[in-house]
């Protein structure tokens, strides 16, 4: 007994739908925040000696945090 034509067409569409590929380019500015990150949160989770709107202090803190995660610095 042969399967009906609509069922075969549906099976073919499902099998071929996996062959399609979506475009993978990012939209311009999609992951950018409109605010400057150094304006920061004003809560207890920030570093104690850092004040909001202190860009130089923000950059220094990021640099120090990156150095504590540097395995080369830890082993030498």
PDB file of N, CA and C in Angstrom:
ATOM      1  N   UNK A   1       0.831  -1.175   0.000  1.00  0.00           N
ATOM      2  CA  UNK A   1       0.000   0.000   0.000  1.00  0.00           C
ATOM      3  C   UNK A   1       0.883   1.248   0.000  1.00  0.00           C
ATOM      4  N   UNK A   2       0.614   2.136  -0.883  1.00  0.00           N
ATOM      5  CA  UNK A   2       1.388   3.376  -0.997  1.00  0.00           C
ATOM      6  C   UNK A   2       0.856   4.432  -0.047  1.00  0.00           C
ATOM      7  N   UNK A   3       1.796   5.224   0.558  1.00  0.00           N
ATOM      8  CA  UNK A   3       1.308   6.315   1.410  1.00  0.00           C
ATOM      9  C   UNK A   3       0.642   7.376   0.541  1.00  0.00           C
ATOM     10  N   UNK A   4      -0.327   8.058   1.071  1.00  0.00           N
ATOM     11  CA  UNK A   4      -0.994   9.102   0.289  1.00  0.00           C
ATOM     12  C   UNK A   4      -0.017  10.205  -0.092  1.00  0.00           C
ATOM     13  N   UNK A   5      -0.298  10.861  -1.178  1.00  0.00           N
ATOM     14  CA  UNK A   5       0.572  11.911  -1.718  1.00  0.00           C
ATOM     15  C   UNK A   5       0.780  13.064  -0.736  1.00  0.00           C
ATOM     16  N   UNK A   6      -0.223  13.580  -0.017  1.00  0.00           N
ATOM     17  CA  UNK A   6       0.031  14.675   0.929  1.00  0.00           C
ATOM     18  C   UNK A   6       0.995  14.274   2.052  1.00  0.00           C
ATOM     19  N   UNK A   7       0.916  13.040   2.518  1.00  0.00           N
ATOM     20  CA  UNK A   7       1.827  12.599   3.574  1.00  0.00           C
ATOM     21  C   UNK A   7       3.256  12.528   3.047  1.00  0.00           C
ATOM     22  N   UNK A   8       3.430  12.072   1.809  1.00  0.00           N
ATOM     23  CA  UNK A   8       4.762  12.011   1.213  1.00  0.00           C
ATOM     24  C   UNK A   8       5.319  13.416   0.994  1.00  0.00           C
ATOM     25  N   UNK A   9       4.455  14.345   0.584  1.00  0.00           N
ATOM     26  CA  UNK A   9       4.901  15.725   0.378  1.00  0.00           C
ATOM     27  C   UNK A   9       5.300  16.353   1.710  1.00  0.00           C
ATOM     28  N   UNK A  10       4.525  16.086   2.757  1.00  0.00           N
ATOM     29  CA  UNK A  10       4.856  16.612   4.080  1.00  0.00           C
ATOM     30  C   UNK A  10       6.179  16.042   4.580  1.00  0.00           C
ATOM     31  N   UNK A  11       6.380  14.764   4.367  1.00  0.00           N
ATOM     32  CA  UNK A  11       7.638  14.128   4.764  1.00  0.00           C
ATOM     33  C   UNK A  11       8.813  14.726   4.005  1.00  0.00           C
ATOM     34  N   UNK A  12       8.639  14.994   2.715  1.00  0.00           N
ATOM     35  CA  UNK A  12       9.704  15.604   1.914  1.00  0.00           C
ATOM     36  C   UNK A  12      10.006  17.021   2.390  1.00  0.00           C
ATOM     37  N   UNK A  13       8.959  17.785   2.730  1.00  0.00           N
ATOM     38  CA  UNK A  13       9.184  19.150   3.214  1.00  0.00           C
ATOM     39  C   UNK A  13       9.925  19.135   4.545  1.00  0.00           C
ATOM     40  N   UNK A  14       9.573  18.240   5.429  1.00  0.00           N
ATOM     41  CA  UNK A  14      10.270  18.161   6.711  1.00  0.00           C
ATOM     42  C   UNK A  14      11.727  17.745   6.534  1.00  0.00           C
ATOM     43  N   UNK A  15      11.976  16.831   5.618  1.00  0.00           N
ATOM     44  CA  UNK A  15      13.343  16.376   5.389  1.00  0.00           C
ATOM     45  C   UNK A  15      14.193  17.482   4.771  1.00  0.00           C
ATOM     46  N   UNK A  16      13.611  18.270   3.869  1.00  0.00           N
ATOM     47  CA  UNK A  16      14.378  19.321   3.197  1.00  0.00           C
ATOM     48  C   UNK A  16      14.455  20.615   4.008  1.00  0.00           C
ATOM     49  N   UNK A  17      13.629  20.769   5.026  1.00  0.00           N
ATOM     50  CA  UNK A  17      13.680  22.002   5.808  1.00  0.00           C
ATOM     51  C   UNK A  17      14.981  22.107   6.603  1.00  0.00           C
ATOM     52  N   UNK A  18      15.627  21.006   6.887  1.00  0.00           N
ATOM     53  CA  UNK A  18      16.896  21.031   7.604  1.00  0.00           C
ATOM     54  C   UNK A  18      18.042  21.525   6.728  1.00  0.00           C
ATOM     55  N   UNK A  19      17.827  21.582   5.428  1.00  0.00           N
ATOM     56  CA  UNK A  19      18.879  22.021   4.517  1.00  0.00           C
ATOM     57  C   UNK A  19      18.990  23.538   4.445  1.00  0.00           C
ATOM     58  N   UNK A  20      18.003  24.258   4.917  1.00  0.00           N
ATOM     59  CA  UNK A  20      18.038  25.710   4.857  1.00  0.00           C
ATOM     60  C   UNK A  20      18.968  26.281   5.901  1.00  0.00           C
ATOM     61  N   UNK A  21      19.547  27.446   5.608  1.00  0.00           N
ATOM     62  CA  UNK A  21      20.457  28.083   6.552  1.00  0.00           C
ATOM     63  C   UNK A  21      20.105  29.547   6.658  1.00  0.00           C
ATOM     64  N   UNK A  22      20.000  30.034   7.897  1.00  0.00           N
ATOM     65  CA  UNK A  22      19.692  31.441   8.105  1.00  0.00           C
ATOM     66  C   UNK A  22      20.958  32.273   7.964  1.00  0.00           C
ATOM     67  N   UNK A  23      20.764  33.546   7.677  1.00  0.00           N
ATOM     68  CA  UNK A  23      21.898  34.469   7.591  1.00  0.00           C
ATOM     69  C   UNK A  23      22.489  34.650   8.981  1.00  0.00           C
ATOM     70  N   UNK A  24      23.815  34.678   9.095  1.00  0.00           N
ATOM     71  CA  UNK A  24      24.476  34.709  10.392  1.00  0.00           C
ATOM     72  C   UNK A  24      25.188  36.016  10.686  1.00  0.00           C
ATOM     73  N   UNK A  25      24.890  37.060   9.961  1.00  0.00           N
ATOM     74  CA  UNK A  25      25.532  38.340  10.223  1.00  0.00           C
ATOM     75  C   UNK A  25      24.826  39.035  11.380  1.00  0.00           C
ATOM     76  N   UNK A  26      25.583  39.779  12.151  1.00  0.00           N
ATOM     77  CA  UNK A  26      25.024  40.513  13.281  1.00  0.00           C
ATOM     78  C   UNK A  26      24.484  41.851  12.811  1.00  0.00           C
ATOM     79  N   UNK A  27      23.432  42.269  13.427  1.00  0.00           N
ATOM     80  CA  UNK A  27      22.890  43.587  13.138  1.00  0.00           C
ATOM     81  C   UNK A  27      23.838  44.635  13.716  1.00  0.00           C
ATOM     82  N   UNK A  28      23.949  45.760  13.041  1.00  0.00           N
ATOM     83  CA  UNK A  28      24.858  46.810  13.504  1.00  0.00           C
ATOM     84  C   UNK A  28      24.363  47.374  14.833  1.00  0.00           C
ATOM     85  N   UNK A  29      25.234  47.384  15.823  1.00  0.00           N
ATOM     86  CA  UNK A  29      24.909  47.954  17.119  1.00  0.00           C
ATOM     87  C   UNK A  29      23.963  47.098  17.949  1.00  0.00           C
ATOM     88  N   UNK A  30      23.834  45.862  17.640  1.00  0.00           N
ATOM     89  CA  UNK A  30      22.872  45.011  18.329  1.00  0.00           C
ATOM     90  C   UNK A  30      23.252  44.773  19.785  1.00  0.00           C
ATOM     91  N   UNK A  31      24.522  44.607  20.060  1.00  0.00           N
ATOM     92  CA  UNK A  31      24.962  44.270  21.410  1.00  0.00           C
ATOM     93  C   UNK A  31      25.553  45.465  22.147  1.00  0.00           C
ATOM     94  N   UNK A  32      25.307  46.639  21.662  1.00  0.00           N
ATOM     95  CA  UNK A  32      25.891  47.811  22.318  1.00  0.00           C
ATOM     96  C   UNK A  32      24.877  48.429  23.277  1.00  0.00           C
ATOM     97  N   UNK A  33      25.384  48.852  24.380  1.00  0.00           N
ATOM     98  CA  UNK A  33      24.551  49.515  25.367  1.00  0.00           C
ATOM     99  C   UNK A  33      24.607  51.019  25.121  1.00  0.00           C
ATOM    100  N   UNK A  34      23.516  51.722  25.305  1.00  0.00           N
ATOM    101  CA  UNK A  34      23.552  53.173  25.090  1.00  0.00           C
ATOM    102  C   UNK A  34      24.275  53.920  26.207  1.00  0.00           C
ATOM    103  N   UNK A  35      24.447  53.283  27.352  1.00  0.00           N
ATOM    104  CA  UNK A  35      25.098  53.933  28.488  1.00  0.00           C
ATOM    105  C   UNK A  35      26.569  53.567  28.551  1.00  0.00           C
ATOM    106  N   UNK A  36      27.341  54.428  29.160  1.00  0.00           N
ATOM    107  CA  UNK A  36      28.741  54.114  29.412  1.00  0.00           C
ATOM    108  C   UNK A  36      28.800  53.172  30.606  1.00  0.00           C
ATOM    109  N   UNK A  37      29.604  52.112  30.535  1.00  0.00           N
ATOM    110  CA  UNK A  37      29.625  51.142  31.639  1.00  0.00           C
ATOM    111  C   UNK A  37      30.203  51.704  32.927  1.00  0.00           C
ATOM    112  N   UNK A  38      31.024  52.729  32.855  1.00  0.00           N
ATOM    113  CA  UNK A  38      31.653  53.241  34.070  1.00  0.00           C
ATOM    114  C   UNK A  38      30.692  54.110  34.881  1.00  0.00           C
ATOM    115  N   UNK A  39      29.514  54.386  34.346  1.00  0.00           N
ATOM    116  CA  UNK A  39      28.524  55.103  35.154  1.00  0.00           C
ATOM    117  C   UNK A  39      28.019  54.196  36.265  1.00  0.00           C
ATOM    118  N   UNK A  40      27.934  52.915  35.985  1.00  0.00           N
ATOM    119  CA  UNK A  40      27.800  51.859  36.959  1.00  0.00           C
ATOM    120  C   UNK A  40      26.595  51.844  37.870  1.00  0.00           C
ATOM    121  N   UNK A  41      26.508  50.748  38.563  1.00  0.00           N
ATOM    122  CA  UNK A  41      25.457  50.555  39.558  1.00  0.00           C
ATOM    123  C   UNK A  41      25.848  51.252  40.843  1.00  0.00           C
ATOM    124  N   UNK A  42      24.871  51.671  41.561  1.00  0.00           N
ATOM    125  CA  UNK A  42      25.130  52.310  42.842  1.00  0.00           C
ATOM    126  C   UNK A  42      24.566  51.407  43.932  1.00  0.00           C
ATOM    127  N   UNK A  43      25.256  50.278  44.136  1.00  0.00           N
ATOM    128  CA  UNK A  43      24.804  49.310  45.132  1.00  0.00           C
ATOM    129  C   UNK A  43      26.022  48.706  45.823  1.00  0.00           C
ATOM    130  N   UNK A  44      25.806  47.704  46.652  1.00  0.00           N
ATOM    131  CA  UNK A  44      26.884  47.112  47.436  1.00  0.00           C
ATOM    132  C   UNK A  44      27.764  46.144  46.678  1.00  0.00           C
ATOM    133  N   UNK A  45      27.500  45.917  45.406  1.00  0.00           N
ATOM    134  CA  UNK A  45      28.271  44.941  44.651  1.00  0.00           C
ATOM    135  C   UNK A  45      29.430  45.547  43.873  1.00  0.00           C
ATOM    136  N   UNK A  46      29.636  46.828  43.978  1.00  0.00           N
ATOM    137  CA  UNK A  46      30.762  47.464  43.299  1.00  0.00           C
ATOM    138  C   UNK A  46      31.968  47.470  44.232  1.00  0.00           C
ATOM    139  N   UNK A  47      33.148  47.680  43.673  1.00  0.00           N
ATOM    140  CA  UNK A  47      34.374  47.738  44.474  1.00  0.00           C
ATOM    141  C   UNK A  47      34.292  48.936  45.412  1.00  0.00           C
ATOM    142  N   UNK A  48      34.777  48.761  46.616  1.00  0.00           N
ATOM    143  CA  UNK A  48      34.606  49.778  47.665  1.00  0.00           C
ATOM    144  C   UNK A  48      35.255  51.122  47.333  1.00  0.00           C
ATOM    145  N   UNK A  49      36.383  51.111  46.665  1.00  0.00           N
ATOM    146  CA  UNK A  49      37.066  52.382  46.402  1.00  0.00           C
ATOM    147  C   UNK A  49      36.721  52.969  45.043  1.00  0.00           C
ATOM    148  N   UNK A  50      35.681  52.483  44.404  1.00  0.00           N
ATOM    149  CA  UNK A  50      35.303  52.985  43.089  1.00  0.00           C
ATOM    150  C   UNK A  50      34.042  53.833  43.209  1.00  0.00           C
ATOM    151  N   UNK A  51      34.043  54.982  42.565  1.00  0.00           N
ATOM    152  CA  UNK A  51      32.880  55.865  42.569  1.00  0.00           C
ATOM    153  C   UNK A  51      32.240  55.848  41.187  1.00  0.00           C
ATOM    154  N   UNK A  52      30.930  55.845  41.082  1.00  0.00           N
ATOM    155  CA  UNK A  52      30.282  55.898  39.767  1.00  0.00           C
ATOM    156  C   UNK A  52      30.721  57.129  38.992  1.00  0.00           C
ATOM    157  N   UNK A  53      30.791  57.020  37.701  1.00  0.00           N
ATOM    158  CA  UNK A  53      31.230  58.057  36.747  1.00  0.00           C
ATOM    159  C   UNK A  53      32.735  58.262  36.760  1.00  0.00           C
ATOM    160  N   UNK A  54      33.506  57.364  37.366  1.00  0.00           N
ATOM    161  CA  UNK A  54      34.963  57.453  37.385  1.00  0.00           C
ATOM    162  C   UNK A  54      35.517  56.529  36.300  1.00  0.00           C
ATOM    163  N   UNK A  55      35.689  57.056  35.085  1.00  0.00           N
ATOM    164  CA  UNK A  55      36.118  56.243  33.951  1.00  0.00           C
ATOM    165  C   UNK A  55      37.523  55.676  34.150  1.00  0.00           C
ATOM    166  N   UNK A  56      38.454  56.478  34.635  1.00  0.00           N
ATOM    167  CA  UNK A  56      39.828  56.009  34.838  1.00  0.00           C
ATOM    168  C   UNK A  56      39.870  54.902  35.889  1.00  0.00           C
ATOM    169  N   UNK A  57      39.108  55.055  36.956  1.00  0.00           N
ATOM    170  CA  UNK A  57      39.051  54.020  37.984  1.00  0.00           C
ATOM    171  C   UNK A  57      38.419  52.733  37.461  1.00  0.00           C
ATOM    172  N   UNK A  58      37.419  52.874  36.590  1.00  0.00           N
ATOM    173  CA  UNK A  58      36.775  51.712  35.965  1.00  0.00           C
ATOM    174  C   UNK A  58      37.782  50.937  35.130  1.00  0.00           C
ATOM    175  N   UNK A  59      38.535  51.662  34.305  1.00  0.00           N
ATOM    176  CA  UNK A  59      39.522  51.002  33.442  1.00  0.00           C
ATOM    177  C   UNK A  59      40.632  50.356  34.267  1.00  0.00           C
ATOM    178  N   UNK A  60      41.060  51.010  35.342  1.00  0.00           N
ATOM    179  CA  UNK A  60      42.082  50.434  36.214  1.00  0.00           C
ATOM    180  C   UNK A  60      41.579  49.156  36.868  1.00  0.00           C
ATOM    181  N   UNK A  61      40.345  49.176  37.330  1.00  0.00           N
ATOM    182  CA  UNK A  61      39.775  47.995  37.970  1.00  0.00           C
ATOM    183  C   UNK A  61      39.648  46.836  36.982  1.00  0.00           C
ATOM    184  N   UNK A  62      39.250  47.110  35.750  1.00  0.00           N
ATOM    185  CA  UNK A  62      39.176  46.058  34.732  1.00  0.00           C
ATOM    186  C   UNK A  62      40.554  45.477  34.439  1.00  0.00           C
ATOM    187  N   UNK A  63      41.557  46.350  34.360  1.00  0.00           N
ATOM    188  CA  UNK A  63      42.918  45.889  34.109  1.00  0.00           C
ATOM    189  C   UNK A  63      43.415  45.001  35.248  1.00  0.00           C
ATOM    190  N   UNK A  64      43.158  45.399  36.497  1.00  0.00           N
ATOM    191  CA  UNK A  64      43.572  44.595  37.647  1.00  0.00           C
ATOM    192  C   UNK A  64      42.842  43.258  37.689  1.00  0.00           C
ATOM    193  N   UNK A  65      41.552  43.266  37.368  1.00  0.00           N
ATOM    194  CA  UNK A  65      40.780  42.030  37.375  1.00  0.00           C
ATOM    195  C   UNK A  65      41.277  41.084  36.286  1.00  0.00           C
ATOM    196  N   UNK A  66      41.641  41.614  35.140  1.00  0.00           N
ATOM    197  CA  UNK A  66      42.173  40.777  34.068  1.00  0.00           C
ATOM    198  C   UNK A  66      43.514  40.180  34.448  1.00  0.00           C
ATOM    199  N   UNK A  67      44.336  40.933  35.170  1.00  0.00           N
ATOM    200  CA  UNK A  67      45.634  40.409  35.574  1.00  0.00           C
ATOM    201  C   UNK A  67      45.511  39.307  36.619  1.00  0.00           C
ATOM    202  N   UNK A  68      44.479  39.348  37.454  1.00  0.00           N
ATOM    203  CA  UNK A  68      44.305  38.267  38.433  1.00  0.00           C
ATOM    204  C   UNK A  68      43.824  36.986  37.760  1.00  0.00           C
ATOM    205  N   UNK A  69      43.305  37.087  36.548  1.00  0.00           N
ATOM    206  CA  UNK A  69      42.867  35.902  35.808  1.00  0.00           C
ATOM    207  C   UNK A  69      43.916  35.412  34.828  1.00  0.00           C
ATOM    208  N   UNK A  70      45.057  36.090  34.760  1.00  0.00           N
ATOM    209  CA  UNK A  70      46.122  35.740  33.833  1.00  0.00           C
ATOM    210  C   UNK A  70      46.937  34.584  34.421  1.00  0.00           C
ATOM    211  N   UNK A  71      46.847  33.417  33.810  1.00  0.00           N
ATOM    212  CA  UNK A  71      47.543  32.235  34.321  1.00  0.00           C
ATOM    213  C   UNK A  71      49.068  32.378  34.233  1.00  0.00           C
ATOM    214  N   UNK A  72      49.570  33.118  33.257  1.00  0.00           N
ATOM    215  CA  UNK A  72      51.009  33.316  33.137  1.00  0.00           C
ATOM    216  C   UNK A  72      51.555  34.073  34.342  1.00  0.00           C
ATOM    217  N   UNK A  73      50.811  35.084  34.777  1.00  0.00           N
ATOM    218  CA  UNK A  73      51.232  35.863  35.951  1.00  0.00           C
ATOM    219  C   UNK A  73      51.167  34.979  37.209  1.00  0.00           C
ATOM    220  N   UNK A  74      50.162  34.128  37.322  1.00  0.00           N
ATOM    221  CA  UNK A  74      50.003  33.293  38.516  1.00  0.00           C
ATOM    222  C   UNK A  74      51.113  32.269  38.649  1.00  0.00           C
ATOM    223  N   UNK A  75      51.609  31.728  37.543  1.00  0.00           N
ATOM    224  CA  UNK A  75      52.602  30.668  37.625  1.00  0.00           C
ATOM    225  C   UNK A  75      54.012  31.192  37.726  1.00  0.00           C
ATOM    226  N   UNK A  76      54.266  32.429  37.400  1.00  0.00           N
ATOM    227  CA  UNK A  76      55.627  32.971  37.444  1.00  0.00           C
ATOM    228  C   UNK A  76      55.845  33.885  38.602  1.00  0.00           C
TER     229      UNK A  76
END
